[in-house]
C-alpha atoms as a PDB file:
ATOM      1  CA  MET A   1      90.408 112.088 118.828  1.00  0.00           C
ATOM      2  CA  ASP A   2      93.485 110.564 119.718  1.00  0.00           C
ATOM      3  CA  THR A   3      96.478 110.250 116.880  1.00  0.00           C
ATOM      4  CA  GLU A   4      95.849 106.212 116.678  1.00  0.00           C
ATOM      5  CA  GLU A   5      92.379 107.146 115.237  1.00  0.00           C
ATOM      6  CA  ALA A   6      93.322 109.965 113.559  1.00  0.00           C
ATOM      7  CA  ARG A   7      95.372 108.268 111.577  1.00  0.00           C
ATOM      8  CA  ARG A   8      93.610 105.502 110.717  1.00  0.00           C
ATOM      9  CA  GLN A   9      90.526 107.767 109.236  1.00  0.00           C
ATOM     10  CA  VAL A  10      93.464 109.981 107.142  1.00  0.00           C
ATOM     11  CA  ARG A  11      94.561 106.510 105.728  1.00  0.00           C
ATOM     12  CA  ALA A  12      91.032 105.737 104.863  1.00  0.00           C
ATOM     13  CA  ILE A  13      90.402 109.005 103.425  1.00  0.00           C
ATOM     14  CA  VAL A  14      93.693 108.806 101.277  1.00  0.00           C
ATOM     15  CA  ASN A  15      92.649 105.693 100.162  1.00  0.00           C
ATOM     16  CA  GLU A  16      89.247 106.762  98.643  1.00  0.00           C
ATOM     17  CA  LEU A  17      91.481 109.781  97.271  1.00  0.00           C
ATOM     18  CA  LEU A  18      93.697 107.165  94.999  1.00  0.00           C
ATOM     19  CA  ASP A  19      90.869 105.652  93.319  1.00  0.00           C
ATOM     20  CA  TYR A  20      89.933 109.557  91.877  1.00  0.00           C
ATOM     21  CA  SER A  21      90.936 110.848  88.776  1.00  0.00           C
ATOM     22  CA  PHE A  22      92.224 114.777  89.193  1.00  0.00           C
ATOM     23  CA  SER A  23      89.002 116.024  87.388  1.00  0.00           C
ATOM     24  CA  GLN A  24      86.485 114.198  90.378  1.00  0.00           C
ATOM     25  CA  THR A  25      86.383 117.559  92.568  1.00  0.00           C
ATOM     26  CA  PHE A  26      82.800 116.576  93.513  1.00  0.00           C
ATOM     27  CA  ASP A  27      84.896 114.228  95.287  1.00  0.00           C
ATOM     28  CA  ILE A  28      87.699 115.400  96.147  1.00  0.00           C
ATOM     29  CA  LEU A  29      86.374 118.858  97.514  1.00  0.00           C
ATOM     30  CA  PRO A  30      84.339 116.725 100.501  1.00  0.00           C
ATOM     31  CA  ALA A  31      87.328 114.917 101.555  1.00  0.00           C
ATOM     32  CA  GLU A  32      89.240 117.979 102.291  1.00  0.00           C
ATOM     33  CA  GLN A  33      86.840 118.883 104.497  1.00  0.00           C
ATOM     34  CA  LYS A  34      87.167 115.688 106.173  1.00  0.00           C
ATOM     35  CA  LEU A  35      90.830 116.184 106.133  1.00  0.00           C
ATOM     36  CA  LYS A  36      90.415 119.642 107.351  1.00  0.00           C
ATOM     37  CA  ALA A  37      87.573 118.494 110.448  1.00  0.00           C
ATOM     38  CA  ILE A  38      90.612 115.925 111.545  1.00  0.00           C
ATOM     39  CA  TYR A  39      93.112 117.669 112.110  1.00  0.00           C
ATOM     40  CA  GLN A  40      91.392 120.606 113.731  1.00  0.00           C
ATOM     41  CA  GLN A  41      90.415 117.767 116.424  1.00  0.00           C
ATOM     42  CA  CYS A  42      93.754 116.600 115.916  1.00  0.00           C
ATOM     43  CA  PRO A  43      96.081 119.547 115.191  1.00  0.00           C
ATOM     44  CA  ASN A  44      99.176 117.345 116.738  1.00  0.00           C
ATOM     45  CA  GLY A  45      99.147 114.836 113.820  1.00  0.00           C
ATOM     46  CA  ILE A  46     100.941 115.733 110.533  1.00  0.00           C
ATOM     47  CA  ASP A  47      99.386 112.848 108.533  1.00  0.00           C
ATOM     48  CA  ALA A  48      95.953 114.925 108.245  1.00  0.00           C
ATOM     49  CA  LEU A  49      98.422 118.056 106.540  1.00  0.00           C
ATOM     50  CA  ILE A  50      99.842 115.381 104.274  1.00  0.00           C
ATOM     51  CA  GLY A  51      96.385 114.081 103.226  1.00  0.00           C
ATOM     52  CA  LEU A  52      95.703 117.878 102.958  1.00  0.00           C
ATOM     53  CA  MET A  53      99.087 118.366 100.903  1.00  0.00           C
ATOM     54  CA  LEU A  54      97.629 115.683  98.479  1.00  0.00           C
ATOM     55  CA  VAL A  55      94.210 117.250  98.226  1.00  0.00           C
ATOM     56  CA  ASN A  56      95.915 120.557  97.070  1.00  0.00           C
ATOM     57  CA  ILE A  57      98.005 118.604  94.759  1.00  0.00           C
ATOM     58  CA  MET A  58      94.884 116.965  92.821  1.00  0.00           C
ATOM     59  CA  LEU A  59      92.905 120.400  92.895  1.00  0.00           C
ATOM     60  CA  GLY A  60      96.067 121.977  90.680  1.00  0.00           C
ATOM     61  CA  ASN A  61      97.128 124.663  94.224  1.00  0.00           C
ATOM     62  CA  ALA A  62     100.401 124.480  93.275  1.00  0.00           C
ATOM     63  CA  ALA A  63     101.229 127.007  96.219  1.00  0.00           C
ATOM     64  CA  ASN A  64      99.193 125.578  99.114  1.00  0.00           C
ATOM     65  CA  ALA A  65     101.047 121.768  98.339  1.00  0.00           C
ATOM     66  CA  ARG A  66     104.081 123.556  98.756  1.00  0.00           C
ATOM     67  CA  ALA A  67     102.982 125.636 101.841  1.00  0.00           C
ATOM     68  CA  LEU A  68     102.022 122.065 103.435  1.00  0.00           C
ATOM     69  CA  GLY A  69     105.129 120.742 102.274  1.00  0.00           C
ATOM     70  CA  GLU A  70     106.852 123.331 103.982  1.00  0.00           C
ATOM     71  CA  LYS A  71     104.992 123.013 107.136  1.00  0.00           C
ATOM     72  CA  ILE A  72     105.115 119.432 107.276  1.00  0.00           C
ATOM     73  CA  TRP A  73     108.656 119.131 107.244  1.00  0.00           C
ATOM     74  CA  SER A  74     109.058 122.031 109.701  1.00  0.00           C
ATOM     75  CA  ILE A  75     106.698 119.714 112.154  1.00  0.00           C
ATOM     76  CA  GLY A  76     109.352 116.139 111.388  1.00  0.00           C
ATOM     77  CA  GLY A  77     108.085 113.292 113.680  1.00  0.00           C
ATOM     78  CA  ASN A  78     107.576 109.649 112.920  1.00  0.00           C
ATOM     79  CA  LEU A  79     105.618 108.851 109.789  1.00  0.00           C
ATOM     80  CA  SER A  80     104.236 104.811 108.801  1.00  0.00           C
ATOM     81  CA  SER A  81     105.532 103.310 106.264  1.00  0.00           C
ATOM     82  CA  PHE A  82     101.924 104.614 104.099  1.00  0.00           C
ATOM     83  CA  PHE A  83     102.245 107.990 105.112  1.00  0.00           C
ATOM     84  CA  GLU A  84     105.582 108.566 104.482  1.00  0.00           C
ATOM     85  CA  LEU A  85     105.323 106.858 100.719  1.00  0.00           C
ATOM     86  CA  ILE A  86     102.376 109.353 100.411  1.00  0.00           C
ATOM     87  CA  TYR A  87     104.526 112.182 101.370  1.00  0.00           C
ATOM     88  CA  CYS A  88     107.639 111.470  99.149  1.00  0.00           C
ATOM     89  CA  ASP A  89     105.161 111.496  96.336  1.00  0.00           C
ATOM     90  CA  ASN A  90     103.867 114.727  97.190  1.00  0.00           C
ATOM     91  CA  LEU A  91     107.324 116.635  97.683  1.00  0.00           C
ATOM     92  CA  LEU A  92     108.588 114.983  94.078  1.00  0.00           C
ATOM     93  CA  ASN A  93     105.223 116.009  92.487  1.00  0.00           C
ATOM     94  CA  ILE A  94     105.944 119.743  93.483  1.00  0.00           C
ATOM     95  CA  GLY A  95     109.923 119.112  92.443  1.00  0.00           C
ATOM     96  CA  GLU A  96     111.433 118.844  95.933  1.00  0.00           C
ATOM     97  CA  SER A  97     113.832 116.353  95.310  1.00  0.00           C
ATOM     98  CA  ASP A  98     116.019 116.928  98.060  1.00  0.00           C
ATOM     99  CA  LYS A  99     113.086 116.678 101.061  1.00  0.00           C
ATOM    100  CA  ALA A 100     112.621 113.276  99.295  1.00  0.00           C
ATOM    101  CA  GLY A 101     115.716 112.069  98.889  1.00  0.00           C
ATOM    102  CA  ILE A 102     116.538 112.830 102.828  1.00  0.00           C
ATOM    103  CA  LEU A 103     113.433 110.960 103.618  1.00  0.00           C
ATOM    104  CA  LEU A 104     114.231 107.890 101.026  1.00  0.00           C
ATOM    105  CA  GLN A 105     117.518 107.329 102.309  1.00  0.00           C
ATOM    106  CA  ASP A 106     117.594 104.434 103.905  1.00  0.00           C
ATOM    107  CA  ARG A 107     115.611 102.844 101.540  1.00  0.00           C
ATOM    108  CA  LEU A 108     117.332 103.885  98.541  1.00  0.00           C
ATOM    109  CA  ASN A 109     120.152 101.918 100.846  1.00  0.00           C
ATOM    110  CA  HIS A 110     118.736  99.232 100.928  1.00  0.00           C
ATOM    111  CA  ILE A 111     116.883  98.672  97.606  1.00  0.00           C
ATOM    112  CA  ARG A 112     115.876  95.157  97.136  1.00  0.00           C
ATOM    113  CA  ASP A 113     114.221  95.223 100.522  1.00  0.00           C
ATOM    114  CA  ASN A 114     112.133  98.216  99.451  1.00  0.00           C
ATOM    115  CA  LEU A 115     111.416  97.628  96.217  1.00  0.00           C
ATOM    116  CA  ARG A 116     107.595  96.270  96.619  1.00  0.00           C
ATOM    117  CA  HIS A 117     106.083  99.629  98.017  1.00  0.00           C
ATOM    118  CA  PHE A 118     108.452 101.842  97.311  1.00  0.00           C
ATOM    119  CA  TYR A 119     109.966 100.989  93.321  1.00  0.00           C
ATOM    120  CA  MET A 120     107.777 103.960  91.508  1.00  0.00           C
ATOM    121  CA  ILE A 121     108.850 106.447  94.536  1.00  0.00           C
ATOM    122  CA  MET A 122     112.173 105.391  93.837  1.00  0.00           C
ATOM    123  CA  VAL A 123     112.145 105.936  90.440  1.00  0.00           C
ATOM    124  CA  LYS A 124     110.675 108.625  90.514  1.00  0.00           C
ATOM    125  CA  TYR A 125     113.176 110.556  92.839  1.00  0.00           C
ATOM    126  CA  ALA A 126     115.917 109.040  90.567  1.00  0.00           C
ATOM    127  CA  LEU A 127     114.332 110.770  87.872  1.00  0.00           C
ATOM    128  CA  LEU A 128     114.069 114.169  88.907  1.00  0.00           C
ATOM    129  CA  SER A 129     117.091 114.024  90.877  1.00  0.00           C
ATOM    130  CA  GLY A 130     119.177 113.382  87.607  1.00  0.00           C
ATOM    131  CA  ASN A 131     120.807 110.497  89.608  1.00  0.00           C
ATOM    132  CA  LEU A 132     120.896 107.722  86.729  1.00  0.00           C
ATOM    133  CA  MET A 133     123.072 105.939  88.405  1.00  0.00           C
ATOM    134  CA  LEU A 134     120.414 105.371  90.890  1.00  0.00           C
ATOM    135  CA  LEU A 135     117.600 104.437  88.592  1.00  0.00           C
ATOM    136  CA  LYS A 136     120.475 101.874  87.179  1.00  0.00           C
ATOM    137  CA  ARG A 137     121.104 100.345  90.444  1.00  0.00           C
ATOM    138  CA  ILE A 138     117.329 100.029  90.939  1.00  0.00           C
ATOM    139  CA  GLY A 139     117.371  98.119  87.067  1.00  0.00           C
ATOM    140  CA  ASP A 140     120.037  95.652  88.146  1.00  0.00           C
ATOM    141  CA  TYR A 141     117.171  93.732  89.775  1.00  0.00           C
ATOM    142  CA  PRO A 142     115.505  91.184  87.007  1.00  0.00           C
ATOM    143  CA  GLU A 143     111.996  91.634  88.599  1.00  0.00           C
ATOM    144  CA  VAL A 144     111.832  94.910  87.963  1.00  0.00           C
ATOM    145  CA  TYR A 145     113.947  95.372  84.178  1.00  0.00           C
ATOM    146  CA  GLU A 146     111.604  93.043  82.901  1.00  0.00           C
ATOM    147  CA  GLN A 147     108.751  95.268  83.595  1.00  0.00           C
ATOM    148  CA  GLU A 148     109.940  98.693  82.557  1.00  0.00           C
ATOM    149  CA  ARG A 149     112.632  97.990  80.191  1.00  0.00           C
ATOM    150  CA  PRO A 150     112.619 101.023  78.317  1.00  0.00           C
ATOM    151  CA  LEU A 151     113.540 102.971  81.572  1.00  0.00           C
ATOM    152  CA  PHE A 152     116.069 100.994  82.536  1.00  0.00           C
ATOM    153  CA  GLU A 153     117.793 101.204  79.015  1.00  0.00           C
ATOM    154  CA  PHE A 154     117.732 104.725  79.396  1.00  0.00           C
ATOM    155  CA  ALA A 155     119.167 104.717  82.702  1.00  0.00           C
ATOM    156  CA  ALA A 156     122.226 102.696  81.052  1.00  0.00           C
ATOM    157  CA  ASP A 157     122.765 104.705  78.032  1.00  0.00           C
ATOM    158  CA  HIS A 158     123.016 107.784  80.071  1.00  0.00           C
ATOM    159  CA  ALA A 159     124.041 107.397  83.356  1.00  0.00           C
ATOM    160  CA  LEU A 160     127.641 106.344  82.476  1.00  0.00           C
ATOM    161  CA  ASP A 161     128.801 109.361  80.632  1.00  0.00           C
ATOM    162  CA  MET A 162     128.969 113.144  79.672  1.00  0.00           C
ATOM    163  CA  SER A 163     124.769 113.499  78.899  1.00  0.00           C
ATOM    164  CA  VAL A 164     124.193 113.046  82.245  1.00  0.00           C
ATOM    165  CA  LYS A 165     125.326 116.208  82.958  1.00  0.00           C
ATOM    166  CA  ASP A 166     122.832 117.243  79.701  1.00  0.00           C
ATOM    167  CA  TYR A 167     119.915 115.559  81.750  1.00  0.00           C
ATOM    168  CA  ARG A 168     119.766 117.183  84.957  1.00  0.00           C
ATOM    169  CA  ALA A 169     120.704 120.342  82.609  1.00  0.00           C
ATOM    170  CA  VAL A 170     117.074 120.133  80.939  1.00  0.00           C
ATOM    171  CA  ILE A 171     115.766 118.381  84.140  1.00  0.00           C
ATOM    172  CA  LYS A 172     116.582 121.900  85.810  1.00  0.00           C
ATOM    173  CA  ILE A 173     115.034 124.127  83.120  1.00  0.00           C
ATOM    174  CA  ILE A 174     111.868 122.229  83.684  1.00  0.00           C
ATOM    175  CA  LEU A 175     112.029 122.556  87.300  1.00  0.00           C
ATOM    176  CA  ASP A 176     113.039 126.510  87.082  1.00  0.00           C
ATOM    177  CA  ASN A 177     110.106 127.337  84.731  1.00  0.00           C
ATOM    178  CA  LEU A 178     107.386 125.698  86.265  1.00  0.00           C
ATOM    179  CA  LYS A 179     108.239 125.864  90.282  1.00  0.00           C
ATOM    180  CA  ASP A 180     105.061 127.853  90.462  1.00  0.00           C
ATOM    181  CA  SER A 181     102.846 125.834  88.417  1.00  0.00           C
ATOM    182  CA  LEU A 182     103.714 122.282  88.667  1.00  0.00           C
ATOM    183  CA  CYS A 183     101.311 120.096  90.553  1.00  0.00           C
ATOM    184  CA  ALA A 184     102.556 116.333  89.609  1.00  0.00           C
ATOM    185  CA  TRP A 185     104.469 114.318  87.497  1.00  0.00           C
ATOM    186  CA  GLU A 186     104.635 110.620  85.896  1.00  0.00           C
ATOM    187  CA  TYR A 187     106.487 108.940  83.433  1.00  0.00           C
ATOM    188  CA  ALA A 188     105.792 107.135  80.310  1.00  0.00           C
ATOM    189  CA  LEU A 189     108.048 104.578  78.077  1.00  0.00           C
ATOM    190  CA  HIS A 190     108.134 104.678  74.356  1.00  0.00           C
ATOM    191  CA  ASP A 191     110.099 101.347  73.810  1.00  0.00           C
ATOM    192  CA  GLY A 192     113.034 101.943  70.986  1.00  0.00           C
ATOM    193  CA  GLU A 193     112.288 105.736  71.496  1.00  0.00           C
ATOM    194  CA  GLY A 194     112.890 106.677  75.553  1.00  0.00           C
ATOM    195  CA  ILE A 195     111.013 108.293  78.272  1.00  0.00           C
ATOM    196  CA  GLU A 196     108.934 110.709  78.349  1.00  0.00           C
ATOM    197  CA  LEU A 197     107.556 113.042  81.241  1.00  0.00           C
ATOM    198  CA  LEU A 198     104.346 113.962  81.750  1.00  0.00           C
ATOM    199  CA  LEU A 199     104.034 117.221  83.540  1.00  0.00           C
ATOM    200  CA  TYR A 200     100.579 118.342  84.733  1.00  0.00           C
ATOM    201  CA  THR A 201     100.462 121.877  85.583  1.00  0.00           C
ATOM    202  CA  SER A 202      97.784 124.422  87.277  1.00  0.00           C
ATOM    203  CA  LEU A 203      98.123 126.405  83.719  1.00  0.00           C
ATOM    204  CA  ASP A 204      95.231 126.191  80.776  1.00  0.00           C
ATOM    205  CA  VAL A 205      95.965 124.738  77.750  1.00  0.00           C
ATOM    206  CA  PRO A 206      96.881 128.139  76.101  1.00  0.00           C
ATOM    207  CA  GLN A 207      99.442 128.591  78.747  1.00  0.00           C
ATOM    208  CA  ASN A 208     100.821 124.840  78.997  1.00  0.00           C
ATOM    209  CA  THR A 209     101.499 125.446  74.789  1.00  0.00           C
ATOM    210  CA  ALA A 210     102.950 128.952  75.181  1.00  0.00           C
ATOM    211  CA  MET A 211     105.058 127.455  77.956  1.00  0.00           C
ATOM    212  CA  GLN A 212     106.276 124.181  76.531  1.00  0.00           C
ATOM    213  CA  GLU A 213     107.485 126.270  73.808  1.00  0.00           C
ATOM    214  CA  GLN A 214     109.452 128.002  75.875  1.00  0.00           C
ATOM    215  CA  LEU A 215     111.125 125.472  77.439  1.00  0.00           C
ATOM    216  CA  LEU A 216     111.831 123.831  74.010  1.00  0.00           C
ATOM    217  CA  GLU A 217     113.295 127.133  73.249  1.00  0.00           C
ATOM    218  CA  ARG A 218     115.454 127.088  76.428  1.00  0.00           C
ATOM    219  CA  ILE A 219     116.489 123.903  76.008  1.00  0.00           C
ATOM    220  CA  LYS A 220     117.512 123.841  72.277  1.00  0.00           C
ATOM    221  CA  GLY A 221     119.929 127.328  73.672  1.00  0.00           C
ATOM    222  CA  TYR A 222     121.339 125.026  76.575  1.00  0.00           C
ATOM    223  CA  PHE A 223     122.060 122.114  73.459  1.00  0.00           C
ATOM    224  CA  LEU A 224     123.521 124.655  71.282  1.00  0.00           C
ATOM    225  CA  SER A 225     125.606 126.318  73.927  1.00  0.00           C
ATOM    226  CA  MET A 226     127.099 123.033  74.178  1.00  0.00           C
ATOM    227  CA  GLN A 227     127.717 122.902  70.662  1.00  0.00           C
ATOM    228  CA  GLN A 228     126.312 119.289  70.497  1.00  0.00           C
ATOM    229  CA  PRO A 229     122.449 118.113  69.738  1.00  0.00           C
ATOM    230  CA  PRO A 230     119.479 117.379  72.183  1.00  0.00           C
ATOM    231  CA  LEU A 231     118.911 113.875  73.489  1.00  0.00           C
ATOM    232  CA  PRO A 232     117.339 111.532  71.493  1.00  0.00           C
ATOM    233  CA  ASP A 233     115.270 109.676  74.149  1.00  0.00           C
ATOM    234  CA  MET A 234     113.726 111.864  76.353  1.00  0.00           C
ATOM    235  CA  PHE A 235     110.535 114.095  75.744  1.00  0.00           C
ATOM    236  CA  PHE A 236     108.398 116.179  77.898  1.00  0.00           C
ATOM    237  CA  ARG A 237     104.402 117.169  77.589  1.00  0.00           C
ATOM    238  CA  LEU A 238     102.706 119.315  79.701  1.00  0.00           C
ATOM    239  CA  MET A 239      98.693 119.430  80.156  1.00  0.00           C
ATOM    240  CA  ASN A 240      96.459 120.506  83.015  1.00  0.00           C
ATOM    241  CA  ILE A 241      96.279 118.907  86.282  1.00  0.00           C
ATOM    242  CA  LYS A 242      92.541 117.694  86.127  1.00  0.00           C
ATOM    243  CA  LEU A 243      93.703 115.337  83.219  1.00  0.00           C
ATOM    244  CA  HIS A 244      95.688 113.348  85.446  1.00  0.00           C
ATOM    245  CA  PRO A 245      94.437 109.727  85.997  1.00  0.00           C
ATOM    246  CA  ALA A 246      93.760 108.094  89.140  1.00  0.00           C
ATOM    247  CA  TRP A 247      96.532 107.245  91.011  1.00  0.00           C
ATOM    248  CA  ALA A 248      95.504 103.684  92.354  1.00  0.00           C
ATOM    249  CA  GLY A 249      97.983 101.381  91.202  1.00  0.00           C
ATOM    250  CA  ASN A 250     100.824 103.317  92.507  1.00  0.00           C
ATOM    251  CA  GLY A 251      99.795 103.324  95.705  1.00  0.00           C
ATOM    252  CA  ASP A 252      98.347 100.401  96.845  1.00  0.00           C
ATOM    253  CA  GLY A 253      97.288 101.504 100.878  1.00  0.00           C
ATOM    254  CA  SER A 254      99.353  98.034 101.732  1.00  0.00           C
ATOM    255  CA  ALA A 255     102.481  99.735 102.618  1.00  0.00           C
END
């Protein structure tokens, strides 16, 4: 199988995966076998590895997803826009904002040109990296500002004052403690209240409850040490990865 045919087949499988909720293991596992078979036939292409990284995220295999992310990074090479989008999202979902930022650099320098397909990825990068000024810049475009006004109001409230360092500190506490179990994350907006990070882990319900309490205590300790109140408009919630809905809508397969 040549590289182009492998890419076409992998893209079709990944588009199917984007339609599955993460609880649909009976659909995800056959897709994994197909991707493995394609990779065996075309080991020079990294597209199948990107698809397998996505599969492992969906199945809650955080360590495998991280190892595949490193392997893809070490191989390198040119990616189509579609696989760049998927790989960047994979990296962000396991907390690898530095690598995602390198891949996205040119797109971040040309925000308007990339709003159609890379909007969600740029927003997730800005949130995870703590670059709220970037988030504010994204919100300078009226067509997206009106869609997610609470998000950009949050950025405007914190990007230009000292509270941005508190936001970054909270993100660091979360990532440092979830580095072995974080599989994916999204954000939810609450008009007038702020943003909520939805953190999907490989942990079960009791473990997530215990971890959430741990994180709250450590964040509370940070703000006590700074002698100031917590951010009133930032919240987070831990859930098992199987509760993650389908990604369809985040990636429409047209990039």
